[in-house]
Amino acid sequence: MNGVNLHEEILTVARNLFERSGQVEGRDLDNWLNAERLVMARYKQQEKLMAETPTPKKGTSTTKRRITRKFATKI
């Protein structure tokens, strides 16, 4: 997570919130805090999904394992 990219992403979401709310003046802090919460929740969800996804062992692929099992049963 790059700090500059994070700031830009929050800025974009805050701007979208401002536009969707009818461009109500004086709610910039509310829009920013809501955008920050939304962006951080998205990053946390992505991290959770990455942690739950099993990583394959180095040098093995699903196809390679299937082929190995196929030939092992014929020997």
PDB file of N, CA and C in Angstrom:
ATOM      1  N   MET A   1       0.859  -1.165   0.000  1.00  0.00           N
ATOM      2  CA  MET A   1       0.000   0.000   0.000  1.00  0.00           C
ATOM      3  C   MET A   1       0.909   1.232   0.000  1.00  0.00           C
ATOM      4  N   ASN A   2       0.889   1.947  -1.069  1.00  0.00           N
ATOM      5  CA  ASN A   2       1.691   3.141  -1.230  1.00  0.00           C
ATOM      6  C   ASN A   2       0.928   4.339  -0.661  1.00  0.00           C
ATOM      7  N   GLY A   3       1.609   5.160   0.140  1.00  0.00           N
ATOM      8  CA  GLY A   3       0.966   6.310   0.782  1.00  0.00           C
ATOM      9  C   GLY A   3       0.379   7.307  -0.201  1.00  0.00           C
ATOM     10  N   VAL A   4       1.093   7.556  -1.315  1.00  0.00           N
ATOM     11  CA  VAL A   4       0.604   8.498  -2.319  1.00  0.00           C
ATOM     12  C   VAL A   4      -0.633   7.933  -2.999  1.00  0.00           C
ATOM     13  N   ASN A   5      -0.579   6.664  -3.372  1.00  0.00           N
ATOM     14  CA  ASN A   5      -1.733   6.033  -4.010  1.00  0.00           C
ATOM     15  C   ASN A   5      -2.923   5.976  -3.061  1.00  0.00           C
ATOM     16  N   LEU A   6      -2.667   5.707  -1.796  1.00  0.00           N
ATOM     17  CA  LEU A   6      -3.733   5.667  -0.803  1.00  0.00           C
ATOM     18  C   LEU A   6      -4.398   7.034  -0.693  1.00  0.00           C
ATOM     19  N   HIS A   7      -3.603   8.082  -0.632  1.00  0.00           N
ATOM     20  CA  HIS A   7      -4.137   9.437  -0.548  1.00  0.00           C
ATOM     21  C   HIS A   7      -4.981   9.758  -1.777  1.00  0.00           C
ATOM     22  N   GLU A   8      -4.482   9.408  -2.960  1.00  0.00           N
ATOM     23  CA  GLU A   8      -5.215   9.666  -4.201  1.00  0.00           C
ATOM     24  C   GLU A   8      -6.528   8.878  -4.244  1.00  0.00           C
ATOM     25  N   GLU A   9      -6.487   7.645  -3.768  1.00  0.00           N
ATOM     26  CA  GLU A   9      -7.697   6.823  -3.762  1.00  0.00           C
ATOM     27  C   GLU A   9      -8.746   7.397  -2.813  1.00  0.00           C
ATOM     28  N   ILE A  10      -8.312   7.826  -1.628  1.00  0.00           N
ATOM     29  CA  ILE A  10      -9.236   8.440  -0.672  1.00  0.00           C
ATOM     30  C   ILE A  10      -9.800   9.730  -1.254  1.00  0.00           C
ATOM     31  N   LEU A  11      -8.956  10.518  -1.897  1.00  0.00           N
ATOM     32  CA  LEU A  11      -9.402  11.763  -2.520  1.00  0.00           C
ATOM     33  C   LEU A  11     -10.464  11.494  -3.584  1.00  0.00           C
ATOM     34  N   THR A  12     -10.259  10.483  -4.393  1.00  0.00           N
ATOM     35  CA  THR A  12     -11.221  10.135  -5.445  1.00  0.00           C
ATOM     36  C   THR A  12     -12.549   9.697  -4.849  1.00  0.00           C
ATOM     37  N   VAL A  13     -12.493   8.859  -3.822  1.00  0.00           N
ATOM     38  CA  VAL A  13     -13.727   8.386  -3.185  1.00  0.00           C
ATOM     39  C   VAL A  13     -14.440   9.545  -2.498  1.00  0.00           C
ATOM     40  N   ALA A  14     -13.691  10.424  -1.835  1.00  0.00           N
ATOM     41  CA  ALA A  14     -14.299  11.590  -1.172  1.00  0.00           C
ATOM     42  C   ALA A  14     -14.983  12.495  -2.192  1.00  0.00           C
ATOM     43  N   ARG A  15     -14.336  12.680  -3.327  1.00  0.00           N
ATOM     44  CA  ARG A  15     -14.932  13.507  -4.383  1.00  0.00           C
ATOM     45  C   ARG A  15     -16.224  12.865  -4.904  1.00  0.00           C
ATOM     46  N   ASN A  16     -16.204  11.549  -5.067  1.00  0.00           N
ATOM     47  CA  ASN A  16     -17.415  10.842  -5.500  1.00  0.00           C
ATOM     48  C   ASN A  16     -18.542  10.969  -4.479  1.00  0.00           C
ATOM     49  N   LEU A  17     -18.206  10.859  -3.210  1.00  0.00           N
ATOM     50  CA  LEU A  17     -19.211  11.029  -2.157  1.00  0.00           C
ATOM     51  C   LEU A  17     -19.797  12.437  -2.191  1.00  0.00           C
ATOM     52  N   PHE A  18     -18.942  13.431  -2.386  1.00  0.00           N
ATOM     53  CA  PHE A  18     -19.377  14.825  -2.475  1.00  0.00           C
ATOM     54  C   PHE A  18     -20.362  15.009  -3.637  1.00  0.00           C
ATOM     55  N   GLU A  19     -20.021  14.433  -4.786  1.00  0.00           N
ATOM     56  CA  GLU A  19     -20.887  14.575  -5.962  1.00  0.00           C
ATOM     57  C   GLU A  19     -22.201  13.832  -5.791  1.00  0.00           C
ATOM     58  N   ARG A  20     -22.139  12.636  -5.203  1.00  0.00           N
ATOM     59  CA  ARG A  20     -23.362  11.844  -5.019  1.00  0.00           C
ATOM     60  C   ARG A  20     -24.292  12.444  -3.969  1.00  0.00           C
ATOM     61  N   SER A  21     -23.729  13.203  -3.039  1.00  0.00           N
ATOM     62  CA  SER A  21     -24.568  13.787  -1.988  1.00  0.00           C
ATOM     63  C   SER A  21     -25.181  15.112  -2.420  1.00  0.00           C
ATOM     64  N   GLY A  22     -25.053  15.449  -3.682  1.00  0.00           N
ATOM     65  CA  GLY A  22     -25.628  16.698  -4.171  1.00  0.00           C
ATOM     66  C   GLY A  22     -24.697  17.878  -4.027  1.00  0.00           C
ATOM     67  N   GLN A  23     -23.409  17.623  -3.852  1.00  0.00           N
ATOM     68  CA  GLN A  23     -22.376  18.652  -3.732  1.00  0.00           C
ATOM     69  C   GLN A  23     -22.684  19.645  -2.620  1.00  0.00           C
ATOM     70  N   VAL A  24     -23.050  19.092  -1.464  1.00  0.00           N
ATOM     71  CA  VAL A  24     -23.355  19.917  -0.288  1.00  0.00           C
ATOM     72  C   VAL A  24     -22.046  20.472   0.277  1.00  0.00           C
ATOM     73  N   GLU A  25     -21.950  21.788   0.340  1.00  0.00           N
ATOM     74  CA  GLU A  25     -20.754  22.458   0.877  1.00  0.00           C
ATOM     75  C   GLU A  25     -20.667  22.260   2.388  1.00  0.00           C
ATOM     76  N   GLY A  26     -19.449  22.263   2.898  1.00  0.00           N
ATOM     77  CA  GLY A  26     -19.235  22.186   4.337  1.00  0.00           C
ATOM     78  C   GLY A  26     -19.185  20.774   4.893  1.00  0.00           C
ATOM     79  N   ARG A  27     -19.268  19.776   4.040  1.00  0.00           N
ATOM     80  CA  ARG A  27     -19.221  18.387   4.502  1.00  0.00           C
ATOM     81  C   ARG A  27     -17.930  17.708   4.075  1.00  0.00           C
ATOM     82  N   ASP A  28     -16.905  18.506   3.777  1.00  0.00           N
ATOM     83  CA  ASP A  28     -15.664  17.948   3.264  1.00  0.00           C
ATOM     84  C   ASP A  28     -14.995  17.000   4.254  1.00  0.00           C
ATOM     85  N   LEU A  29     -15.010  17.336   5.528  1.00  0.00           N
ATOM     86  CA  LEU A  29     -14.406  16.452   6.524  1.00  0.00           C
ATOM     87  C   LEU A  29     -15.198  15.150   6.628  1.00  0.00           C
ATOM     88  N   ASP A  30     -16.512  15.243   6.652  1.00  0.00           N
ATOM     89  CA  ASP A  30     -17.348  14.034   6.694  1.00  0.00           C
ATOM     90  C   ASP A  30     -17.090  13.150   5.474  1.00  0.00           C
ATOM     91  N   ASN A  31     -17.031  13.772   4.300  1.00  0.00           N
ATOM     92  CA  ASN A  31     -16.772  13.009   3.082  1.00  0.00           C
ATOM     93  C   ASN A  31     -15.394  12.353   3.126  1.00  0.00           C
ATOM     94  N   TRP A  32     -14.409  13.085   3.616  1.00  0.00           N
ATOM     95  CA  TRP A  32     -13.055  12.540   3.695  1.00  0.00           C
ATOM     96  C   TRP A  32     -13.002  11.360   4.666  1.00  0.00           C
ATOM     97  N   LEU A  33     -13.587  11.514   5.841  1.00  0.00           N
ATOM     98  CA  LEU A  33     -13.553  10.434   6.830  1.00  0.00           C
ATOM     99  C   LEU A  33     -14.312   9.203   6.343  1.00  0.00           C
ATOM    100  N   ASN A  34     -15.444   9.413   5.686  1.00  0.00           N
ATOM    101  CA  ASN A  34     -16.186   8.280   5.124  1.00  0.00           C
ATOM    102  C   ASN A  34     -15.384   7.600   4.022  1.00  0.00           C
ATOM    103  N   ALA A  35     -14.740   8.387   3.180  1.00  0.00           N
ATOM    104  CA  ALA A  35     -13.919   7.826   2.111  1.00  0.00           C
ATOM    105  C   ALA A  35     -12.743   7.046   2.695  1.00  0.00           C
ATOM    106  N   GLU A  36     -12.124   7.583   3.715  1.00  0.00           N
ATOM    107  CA  GLU A  36     -11.008   6.906   4.370  1.00  0.00           C
ATOM    108  C   GLU A  36     -11.461   5.556   4.936  1.00  0.00           C
ATOM    109  N   ARG A  37     -12.616   5.556   5.578  1.00  0.00           N
ATOM    110  CA  ARG A  37     -13.155   4.319   6.148  1.00  0.00           C
ATOM    111  C   ARG A  37     -13.434   3.293   5.054  1.00  0.00           C
ATOM    112  N   LEU A  38     -14.038   3.732   3.946  1.00  0.00           N
ATOM    113  CA  LEU A  38     -14.361   2.823   2.849  1.00  0.00           C
ATOM    114  C   LEU A  38     -13.110   2.233   2.195  1.00  0.00           C
ATOM    115  N   VAL A  39     -12.127   3.076   1.955  1.00  0.00           N
ATOM    116  CA  VAL A  39     -10.894   2.617   1.308  1.00  0.00           C
ATOM    117  C   VAL A  39     -10.140   1.650   2.215  1.00  0.00           C
ATOM    118  N   MET A  40     -10.029   1.984   3.483  1.00  0.00           N
ATOM    119  CA  MET A  40      -9.318   1.104   4.416  1.00  0.00           C
ATOM    120  C   MET A  40     -10.043  -0.229   4.581  1.00  0.00           C
ATOM    121  N   ALA A  41     -11.369  -0.217   4.588  1.00  0.00           N
ATOM    122  CA  ALA A  41     -12.129  -1.460   4.682  1.00  0.00           C
ATOM    123  C   ALA A  41     -11.875  -2.318   3.444  1.00  0.00           C
ATOM    124  N   ARG A  42     -11.776  -1.677   2.279  1.00  0.00           N
ATOM    125  CA  ARG A  42     -11.495  -2.412   1.043  1.00  0.00           C
ATOM    126  C   ARG A  42     -10.117  -3.064   1.105  1.00  0.00           C
ATOM    127  N   TYR A  43      -9.111  -2.321   1.590  1.00  0.00           N
ATOM    128  CA  TYR A  43      -7.764  -2.881   1.716  1.00  0.00           C
ATOM    129  C   TYR A  43      -7.737  -4.038   2.706  1.00  0.00           C
ATOM    130  N   LYS A  44      -8.439  -3.895   3.820  1.00  0.00           N
ATOM    131  CA  LYS A  44      -8.473  -4.974   4.807  1.00  0.00           C
ATOM    132  C   LYS A  44      -9.138  -6.224   4.235  1.00  0.00           C
ATOM    133  N   GLN A  45     -10.204  -6.034   3.454  1.00  0.00           N
ATOM    134  CA  GLN A  45     -10.882  -7.163   2.826  1.00  0.00           C
ATOM    135  C   GLN A  45      -9.955  -7.856   1.833  1.00  0.00           C
ATOM    136  N   GLN A  46      -9.202  -7.077   1.065  1.00  0.00           N
ATOM    137  CA  GLN A  46      -8.258  -7.655   0.117  1.00  0.00           C
ATOM    138  C   GLN A  46      -7.164  -8.432   0.836  1.00  0.00           C
ATOM    139  N   GLU A  47      -6.653  -7.882   1.934  1.00  0.00           N
ATOM    140  CA  GLU A  47      -5.632  -8.574   2.716  1.00  0.00           C
ATOM    141  C   GLU A  47      -6.172  -9.877   3.288  1.00  0.00           C
ATOM    142  N   LYS A  48      -7.413  -9.859   3.746  1.00  0.00           N
ATOM    143  CA  LYS A  48      -8.026 -11.059   4.297  1.00  0.00           C
ATOM    144  C   LYS A  48      -8.155 -12.135   3.228  1.00  0.00           C
ATOM    145  N   LEU A  49      -8.594 -11.744   2.037  1.00  0.00           N
ATOM    146  CA  LEU A  49      -8.721 -12.696   0.941  1.00  0.00           C
ATOM    147  C   LEU A  49      -7.372 -13.259   0.534  1.00  0.00           C
ATOM    148  N   MET A  50      -6.357 -12.420   0.516  1.00  0.00           N
ATOM    149  CA  MET A  50      -5.008 -12.879   0.161  1.00  0.00           C
ATOM    150  C   MET A  50      -4.489 -13.879   1.197  1.00  0.00           C
ATOM    151  N   ALA A  51      -4.788 -13.634   2.464  1.00  0.00           N
ATOM    152  CA  ALA A  51      -4.330 -14.528   3.524  1.00  0.00           C
ATOM    153  C   ALA A  51      -5.063 -15.866   3.476  1.00  0.00           C
ATOM    154  N   GLU A  52      -6.304 -15.868   3.035  1.00  0.00           N
ATOM    155  CA  GLU A  52      -7.094 -17.094   2.978  1.00  0.00           C
ATOM    156  C   GLU A  52      -6.779 -17.930   1.743  1.00  0.00           C
ATOM    157  N   THR A  53      -6.225 -17.334   0.695  1.00  0.00           N
ATOM    158  CA  THR A  53      -5.937 -18.041  -0.537  1.00  0.00           C
ATOM    159  C   THR A  53      -4.674 -18.866  -0.354  1.00  0.00           C
ATOM    160  N   PRO A  54      -4.782 -20.185  -0.503  1.00  0.00           N
ATOM    161  CA  PRO A  54      -3.584 -21.016  -0.338  1.00  0.00           C
ATOM    162  C   PRO A  54      -2.615 -20.790  -1.499  1.00  0.00           C
ATOM    163  N   THR A  55      -1.338 -20.773  -1.171  1.00  0.00           N
ATOM    164  CA  THR A  55      -0.332 -20.611  -2.204  1.00  0.00           C
ATOM    165  C   THR A  55       0.187 -21.987  -2.601  1.00  0.00           C
ATOM    166  N   PRO A  56       0.309 -22.260  -3.898  1.00  0.00           N
ATOM    167  CA  PRO A  56       0.799 -23.567  -4.324  1.00  0.00           C
ATOM    168  C   PRO A  56       2.264 -23.738  -3.965  1.00  0.00           C
ATOM    169  N   LYS A  57       2.669 -24.979  -3.757  1.00  0.00           N
ATOM    170  CA  LYS A  57       4.064 -25.253  -3.455  1.00  0.00           C
ATOM    171  C   LYS A  57       4.906 -24.917  -4.666  1.00  0.00           C
ATOM    172  N   LYS A  58       6.108 -24.468  -4.411  1.00  0.00           N
ATOM    173  CA  LYS A  58       6.996 -24.044  -5.485  1.00  0.00           C
ATOM    174  C   LYS A  58       7.326 -25.237  -6.387  1.00  0.00           C
ATOM    175  N   GLY A  59       7.161 -25.035  -7.670  1.00  0.00           N
ATOM    176  CA  GLY A  59       7.525 -26.063  -8.635  1.00  0.00           C
ATOM    177  C   GLY A  59       6.439 -27.068  -8.927  1.00  0.00           C
ATOM    178  N   THR A  60       5.270 -26.932  -8.280  1.00  0.00           N
ATOM    179  CA  THR A  60       4.188 -27.867  -8.571  1.00  0.00           C
ATOM    180  C   THR A  60       2.990 -27.090  -9.059  1.00  0.00           C
ATOM    181  N   SER A  61       2.352 -27.663 -10.008  1.00  0.00           N
ATOM    182  CA  SER A  61       1.109 -27.076 -10.484  1.00  0.00           C
ATOM    183  C   SER A  61       0.053 -28.159 -10.435  1.00  0.00           C
ATOM    184  N   THR A  62      -1.187 -27.764 -10.523  1.00  0.00           N
ATOM    185  CA  THR A  62      -2.278 -28.730 -10.486  1.00  0.00           C
ATOM    186  C   THR A  62      -2.130 -29.745 -11.614  1.00  0.00           C
ATOM    187  N   THR A  63      -1.796 -29.270 -12.806  1.00  0.00           N
ATOM    188  CA  THR A  63      -1.644 -30.160 -13.952  1.00  0.00           C
ATOM    189  C   THR A  63      -0.509 -31.136 -13.724  1.00  0.00           C
ATOM    190  N   LYS A  64       0.601 -30.664 -13.229  1.00  0.00           N
ATOM    191  CA  LYS A  64       1.759 -31.528 -12.983  1.00  0.00           C
ATOM    192  C   LYS A  64       1.418 -32.599 -11.965  1.00  0.00           C
ATOM    193  N   ARG A  65       0.683 -32.258 -10.917  1.00  0.00           N
ATOM    194  CA  ARG A  65       0.314 -33.247  -9.905  1.00  0.00           C
ATOM    195  C   ARG A  65      -0.628 -34.291 -10.484  1.00  0.00           C
ATOM    196  N   ARG A  66      -1.593 -33.847 -11.325  1.00  0.00           N
ATOM    197  CA  ARG A  66      -2.517 -34.805 -11.942  1.00  0.00           C
ATOM    198  C   ARG A  66      -1.769 -35.780 -12.833  1.00  0.00           C
ATOM    199  N   ILE A  67      -0.841 -35.276 -13.629  1.00  0.00           N
ATOM    200  CA  ILE A  67      -0.078 -36.136 -14.531  1.00  0.00           C
ATOM    201  C   ILE A  67       0.750 -37.119 -13.724  1.00  0.00           C
ATOM    202  N   THR A  68       1.383 -36.661 -12.664  1.00  0.00           N
ATOM    203  CA  THR A  68       2.204 -37.541 -11.835  1.00  0.00           C
ATOM    204  C   THR A  68       1.352 -38.644 -11.230  1.00  0.00           C
ATOM    205  N   ARG A  69       0.167 -38.311 -10.713  1.00  0.00           N
ATOM    206  CA  ARG A  69      -0.716 -39.329 -10.142  1.00  0.00           C
ATOM    207  C   ARG A  69      -1.186 -40.319 -11.213  1.00  0.00           C
ATOM    208  N   LYS A  70      -1.462 -39.815 -12.389  1.00  0.00           N
ATOM    209  CA  LYS A  70      -1.951 -40.666 -13.488  1.00  0.00           C
ATOM    210  C   LYS A  70      -0.908 -41.721 -13.830  1.00  0.00           C
ATOM    211  N   PHE A  71       0.347 -41.298 -13.974  1.00  0.00           N
ATOM    212  CA  PHE A  71       1.390 -42.241 -14.344  1.00  0.00           C
ATOM    213  C   PHE A  71       1.779 -43.134 -13.161  1.00  0.00           C
ATOM    214  N   ALA A  72       1.687 -42.631 -11.970  1.00  0.00           N
ATOM    215  CA  ALA A  72       2.039 -43.424 -10.790  1.00  0.00           C
ATOM    216  C   ALA A  72       1.079 -44.586 -10.613  1.00  0.00           C
ATOM    217  N   THR A  73      -0.181 -44.425 -10.979  1.00  0.00           N
ATOM    218  CA  THR A  73      -1.135 -45.504 -10.813  1.00  0.00           C
ATOM    219  C   THR A  73      -0.968 -46.583 -11.892  1.00  0.00           C
ATOM    220  N   LYS A  74      -0.394 -46.236 -13.025  1.00  0.00           N
ATOM    221  CA  LYS A  74      -0.212 -47.204 -14.098  1.00  0.00           C
ATOM    222  C   LYS A  74       1.044 -48.043 -13.925  1.00  0.00           C
ATOM    223  N   ILE A  75       1.972 -47.601 -13.103  1.00  0.00           N
ATOM    224  CA  ILE A  75       3.251 -48.325 -12.953  1.00  0.00           C
ATOM    225  C   ILE A  75       3.099 -49.525 -12.084  1.00  0.00           C
TER     226      ILE A  75
END
